[in-house]
Amino acid sequence: MANLIYKSIKINYTSQGTGNVVVLLHGFLENISMWQEIIPHIAKKHRVICIDLLGHGSTGNLGYIHTMKEQAKMVKFVLNHLKLRKYIFIGHSMGGYISLAFAELFPKNIKKLCLMNSSAQPDDNEKRKNRDRAIRAVKHSPKTFVKLAIPNLFSEANKTKFTVEIKQITQEALKISPQGIIAAMEGMKIRKNRTILLKTSNFPILMIISKQDPALEYQCLIDQTKNTPVLIQEFPDGHMSHVENKNELIDTLIKFVN
């Protein structure tokens, strides 16, 4: 674990291994601990950088809206500090939104990009309304919000199968301040449409799509990859591939980064 100061707040990151650089960006209500079982496999041949995103883990809050662009600039700050110039990105959920914002801002720095249970499309009106409802719920009772939100990221059958993991993820999520939760939701709510990057980027893009993902509509993800060079890997379960389809995910990521 190492700390950096960015715009007067603390940024937490880790660096392991040597070789080509792989940057892992966690999702909403997560932190770098989500990657703990994946890092050793990738770090055998690569240098793996994990960063706690704004308002999550041990990284501070920068205000009341953490836009995907602001998150991407913070990530660039860390990578510049480490004197790294070219990297492979793997972003889970919100981490994928941030990876796309990064690719838009700094396309020359990216070698490859994996969107893991993520999307290039913005929130539609229905999703924005849901985020507003969720923000009200966080203001009312952050603990209740987190305790309900985490199990709902798993496929129905896996809610009982992975009770231990759900408990651990929930405990980590409960450490996030209400401001951190709300700022991330406000940022996701206003993120722009970046589907054009799926067509025009000159680096390989892999989309990991789960058939029973409660957070993202399967057909919508498939549709955005049509007539693009995007590679697709499908899993049968929910939003949390690193838990629900861990071994298959590790195999997929190793193949992709190599």
Protein backbone atom coordinates (compact mmCIF):
# COMPACT_ATOMS: atom_id res chain seq x y z
CA MET A 1 0.00 0.00 0.00
CA ALA A 2 1.22 3.46 -0.84
CA ASN A 3 -0.27 6.93 -0.55
CA LEU A 4 -0.06 9.98 -2.77
CA ILE A 5 -1.50 13.44 -2.34
CA TYR A 6 -3.70 14.62 -5.20
CA LYS A 7 -5.52 17.97 -4.96
CA SER A 8 -4.95 17.85 -1.18
CA ILE A 9 -6.57 14.44 -0.67
CA LYS A 10 -4.92 11.06 -0.04
CA ILE A 11 -4.91 8.50 -2.88
CA ASN A 12 -4.30 4.87 -1.97
CA TYR A 13 -2.73 2.44 -4.47
CA THR A 14 -0.69 -0.77 -4.67
CA SER A 15 1.95 -1.95 -7.13
CA GLN A 16 3.05 -5.59 -7.51
CA GLY A 17 5.17 -7.55 -9.96
CA THR A 18 7.24 -6.50 -12.95
CA GLY A 19 6.69 -6.38 -16.71
CA ASN A 20 3.95 -4.84 -18.81
CA VAL A 21 1.65 -2.68 -16.71
CA VAL A 22 -1.92 -3.79 -15.92
CA VAL A 23 -4.16 -1.26 -14.15
CA LEU A 24 -7.11 -2.68 -12.18
CA LEU A 25 -10.00 -0.33 -11.39
CA HIS A 26 -12.68 -1.52 -8.97
CA GLY A 27 -16.39 -0.76 -9.16
CA PHE A 28 -18.92 1.22 -7.12
CA LEU A 29 -19.02 0.26 -3.41
CA GLU A 30 -15.77 -1.69 -3.87
CA ASN A 31 -12.07 -1.05 -3.25
CA ILE A 32 -8.76 -2.62 -4.26
CA SER A 33 -9.46 -5.63 -2.02
CA MET A 34 -11.85 -6.93 -4.73
CA TRP A 35 -8.78 -7.90 -6.79
CA GLN A 36 -6.91 -9.79 -4.06
CA GLU A 37 -7.42 -13.25 -5.59
CA ILE A 38 -6.74 -12.05 -9.14
CA ILE A 39 -3.55 -10.02 -8.60
CA PRO A 40 -1.21 -13.01 -7.90
CA HIS A 41 -2.14 -14.64 -11.23
CA ILE A 42 -1.53 -11.51 -13.30
CA ALA A 43 1.51 -10.34 -11.29
CA LYS A 44 3.43 -13.50 -12.27
CA LYS A 45 4.31 -11.83 -15.60
CA HIS A 46 3.09 -8.24 -15.26
CA ARG A 47 3.28 -5.18 -13.05
CA VAL A 48 -0.16 -4.77 -11.48
CA ILE A 49 -1.35 -1.36 -10.27
CA CYS A 50 -4.54 -1.14 -8.19
CA ILE A 51 -6.01 2.21 -7.18
CA ASP A 52 -8.73 3.03 -4.66
CA LEU A 53 -11.02 5.36 -6.62
CA LEU A 54 -12.27 8.69 -5.28
CA GLY A 55 -14.30 8.33 -2.09
CA HIS A 56 -13.68 4.57 -1.96
CA GLY A 57 -11.30 2.42 0.11
CA SER A 58 -8.60 4.62 1.67
CA THR A 59 -8.84 7.37 -0.96
CA GLY A 60 -10.46 10.66 0.06
CA ASN A 61 -13.40 12.60 -1.35
CA LEU A 62 -12.84 15.45 -3.79
CA GLY A 63 -16.28 16.99 -3.52
CA TYR A 64 -19.92 16.13 -3.98
CA ILE A 65 -19.70 14.81 -7.56
CA HIS A 66 -16.93 12.48 -8.68
CA THR A 67 -17.27 12.52 -12.47
CA MET A 68 -15.80 9.68 -14.51
CA LYS A 69 -13.47 12.24 -16.09
CA GLU A 70 -12.22 13.49 -12.71
CA GLN A 71 -11.64 9.88 -11.62
CA ALA A 72 -9.69 9.23 -14.86
CA LYS A 73 -7.50 12.30 -14.27
CA MET A 74 -6.73 11.08 -10.74
CA VAL A 75 -5.75 7.65 -12.15
CA LYS A 76 -3.47 9.37 -14.69
CA PHE A 77 -1.86 11.35 -11.87
CA VAL A 78 -0.97 8.09 -10.08
CA LEU A 79 0.40 6.46 -13.26
CA ASN A 80 2.44 9.60 -14.09
CA HIS A 81 3.84 9.61 -10.55
CA LEU A 82 4.98 6.00 -11.14
CA LYS A 83 6.51 7.10 -14.47
CA LEU A 84 4.39 4.63 -16.44
CA ARG A 85 3.47 5.41 -20.04
CA LYS A 86 1.63 2.43 -21.56
CA TYR A 87 -0.83 0.14 -19.82
CA ILE A 88 -3.59 -2.40 -20.06
CA PHE A 89 -6.79 -1.38 -18.25
CA ILE A 90 -9.26 -3.76 -16.59
CA GLY A 91 -12.25 -1.95 -15.10
CA HIS A 92 -15.11 -3.55 -13.19
CA SER A 93 -18.48 -1.80 -13.52
CA MET A 94 -17.83 1.87 -12.53
CA GLY A 95 -14.13 1.10 -13.07
CA GLY A 96 -15.05 0.35 -16.68
CA TYR A 97 -16.81 3.72 -17.05
CA ILE A 98 -13.66 5.38 -15.72
CA SER A 99 -11.45 3.32 -18.06
CA LEU A 100 -13.49 4.59 -21.04
CA ALA A 101 -13.23 8.19 -19.81
CA PHE A 102 -9.47 7.61 -19.52
CA ALA A 103 -9.32 6.16 -23.05
CA GLU A 104 -11.11 9.24 -24.36
CA LEU A 105 -8.69 11.61 -22.58
CA PHE A 106 -5.44 9.67 -23.06
CA PRO A 107 -5.87 7.19 -25.96
CA LYS A 108 -2.14 6.96 -26.70
CA ASN A 109 -1.40 5.54 -23.26
CA ILE A 110 -3.68 2.52 -23.55
CA LYS A 111 -2.51 -0.82 -24.95
CA LYS A 112 -5.68 -2.81 -24.26
CA LEU A 113 -8.94 -2.30 -22.37
CA CYS A 114 -11.22 -4.79 -20.64
CA LEU A 115 -14.73 -3.72 -19.63
CA MET A 116 -15.75 -6.20 -16.96
CA ASN A 117 -19.50 -6.13 -16.28
CA SER A 118 -19.52 -2.58 -17.59
CA SER A 119 -21.02 -0.53 -20.41
CA ALA A 120 -20.10 2.25 -22.82
CA GLN A 121 -23.64 3.63 -22.74
CA PRO A 122 -24.81 6.35 -20.36
CA ASP A 123 -27.63 6.00 -17.86
CA ASP A 124 -31.04 6.25 -19.48
CA ASN A 125 -33.83 8.27 -17.86
CA GLU A 126 -35.08 5.31 -15.85
CA LYS A 127 -31.62 4.60 -14.47
CA ARG A 128 -31.10 8.26 -13.56
CA LYS A 129 -34.37 8.22 -11.61
CA ASN A 130 -33.21 5.07 -9.84
CA ARG A 131 -29.93 6.74 -8.94
CA ASP A 132 -31.81 9.73 -7.49
CA ARG A 133 -33.92 7.33 -5.42
CA ALA A 134 -30.76 5.55 -4.28
CA ILE A 135 -29.14 8.86 -3.31
CA ARG A 136 -32.18 9.68 -1.15
CA ALA A 137 -31.91 6.21 0.43
CA VAL A 138 -28.21 6.81 1.24
CA LYS A 139 -29.03 10.16 2.86
CA HIS A 140 -31.72 8.44 4.92
CA SER A 141 -29.71 5.37 5.95
CA PRO A 142 -26.36 4.58 4.31
CA LYS A 143 -25.97 1.25 6.14
CA THR A 144 -29.36 -0.03 4.98
CA PHE A 145 -28.60 1.05 1.43
CA VAL A 146 -25.28 -0.85 1.35
CA LYS A 147 -26.70 -3.97 2.99
CA LEU A 148 -29.45 -4.15 0.35
CA ALA A 149 -27.29 -3.12 -2.60
CA ILE A 150 -24.51 -5.72 -2.41
CA PRO A 151 -26.58 -8.95 -2.57
CA ASN A 152 -28.55 -7.44 -5.45
CA LEU A 153 -25.43 -7.49 -7.63
CA PHE A 154 -25.42 -11.30 -7.61
CA SER A 155 -27.56 -13.63 -9.67
CA GLU A 156 -30.59 -14.95 -7.75
CA ALA A 157 -29.10 -18.43 -7.16
CA ASN A 158 -25.76 -17.02 -6.05
CA LYS A 159 -27.22 -14.86 -3.26
CA THR A 160 -27.35 -17.99 -1.09
CA LYS A 161 -24.29 -19.69 -2.61
CA PHE A 162 -21.91 -16.82 -1.79
CA THR A 163 -23.21 -15.63 1.58
CA VAL A 164 -19.69 -15.49 3.08
CA GLU A 165 -18.33 -13.40 0.19
CA ILE A 166 -21.39 -11.13 0.22
CA LYS A 167 -20.81 -10.50 3.92
CA GLN A 168 -17.13 -9.61 3.30
CA ILE A 169 -17.95 -7.29 0.39
CA THR A 170 -20.67 -5.63 2.46
CA GLN A 171 -18.26 -5.05 5.36
CA GLU A 172 -15.81 -3.33 2.99
CA ALA A 173 -18.60 -1.24 1.45
CA LEU A 174 -19.81 -0.10 4.88
CA LYS A 175 -16.46 1.69 5.35
CA ILE A 176 -17.29 4.12 2.52
CA SER A 177 -18.58 7.49 3.66
CA PRO A 178 -22.08 8.55 2.56
CA GLN A 179 -20.39 11.41 0.67
CA GLY A 180 -18.23 8.91 -1.24
CA ILE A 181 -21.25 6.80 -2.18
CA ILE A 182 -23.32 9.80 -3.31
CA ALA A 183 -20.47 11.49 -5.21
CA ALA A 184 -19.91 8.28 -7.22
CA MET A 185 -23.62 7.93 -8.03
CA GLU A 186 -23.86 11.59 -9.07
CA GLY A 187 -20.83 11.04 -11.33
CA MET A 188 -22.22 7.86 -12.90
CA LYS A 189 -25.59 9.49 -13.44
CA ILE A 190 -24.14 12.23 -15.67
CA ARG A 191 -21.53 10.18 -17.52
CA LYS A 192 -21.60 10.57 -21.29
CA ASN A 193 -22.17 8.09 -24.07
CA ARG A 194 -18.80 6.58 -25.04
CA THR A 195 -19.98 3.83 -27.41
CA ILE A 196 -18.06 5.56 -30.24
CA LEU A 197 -14.84 4.36 -28.55
CA LEU A 198 -15.90 0.74 -29.13
CA LYS A 199 -15.82 1.43 -32.88
CA THR A 200 -12.91 3.85 -33.25
CA SER A 201 -10.26 2.85 -30.67
CA ASN A 202 -7.07 1.47 -32.15
CA PHE A 203 -6.40 -0.87 -29.20
CA PRO A 204 -8.12 -4.20 -28.45
CA ILE A 205 -11.23 -4.04 -26.24
CA LEU A 206 -12.70 -7.03 -24.40
CA MET A 207 -16.18 -6.95 -22.88
CA ILE A 208 -17.00 -9.44 -20.15
CA ILE A 209 -20.76 -9.87 -20.16
CA SER A 210 -22.78 -11.86 -17.62
CA LYS A 211 -26.09 -13.34 -18.74
CA GLN A 212 -27.84 -12.79 -15.39
CA ASP A 213 -26.30 -9.43 -14.52
CA PRO A 214 -28.95 -7.58 -12.44
CA ALA A 215 -27.19 -4.22 -12.96
CA LEU A 216 -26.78 -4.31 -16.76
CA GLU A 217 -29.13 -5.59 -19.43
CA TYR A 218 -27.56 -8.44 -21.40
CA GLN A 219 -29.08 -7.57 -24.79
CA CYS A 220 -28.13 -3.91 -24.42
CA LEU A 221 -24.47 -4.90 -23.92
CA ILE A 222 -24.53 -7.26 -26.91
CA ASP A 223 -26.13 -4.56 -29.08
CA GLN A 224 -23.44 -1.97 -28.34
CA THR A 225 -20.74 -4.36 -29.57
CA LYS A 226 -22.42 -4.99 -32.95
CA ASN A 227 -20.34 -3.87 -35.95
CA THR A 228 -17.36 -3.21 -33.69
CA PRO A 229 -14.09 -5.17 -33.29
CA VAL A 230 -14.86 -5.65 -29.57
CA LEU A 231 -14.14 -9.15 -28.24
CA ILE A 232 -16.83 -10.69 -26.05
CA GLN A 233 -16.55 -13.22 -23.24
CA GLU A 234 -19.84 -14.37 -21.71
CA PHE A 235 -20.35 -15.76 -18.24
CA PRO A 236 -23.58 -17.36 -16.96
CA ASP A 237 -24.00 -15.47 -13.68
CA GLY A 238 -24.35 -11.98 -12.17
CA HIS A 239 -22.53 -8.65 -11.93
CA MET A 240 -19.76 -9.92 -9.64
CA SER A 241 -17.71 -12.06 -12.06
CA HIS A 242 -14.66 -11.97 -9.78
CA VAL A 243 -16.69 -13.95 -7.22
CA GLU A 244 -19.38 -15.75 -9.23
CA ASN A 245 -17.15 -16.90 -12.10
CA LYS A 246 -13.73 -16.43 -10.54
CA ASN A 247 -11.73 -19.21 -12.22
CA GLU A 248 -13.13 -18.53 -15.70
CA LEU A 249 -12.49 -14.81 -15.17
CA ILE A 250 -8.86 -15.38 -14.16
CA ASP A 251 -8.29 -17.55 -17.27
CA THR A 252 -9.93 -14.91 -19.49
CA LEU A 253 -7.91 -12.02 -18.02
CA ILE A 254 -4.59 -13.88 -18.22
CA LYS A 255 -5.24 -14.68 -21.89
CA PHE A 256 -6.21 -11.06 -22.56
CA VAL A 257 -3.22 -9.42 -20.85
CA ASN A 258 -0.73 -11.87 -22.38
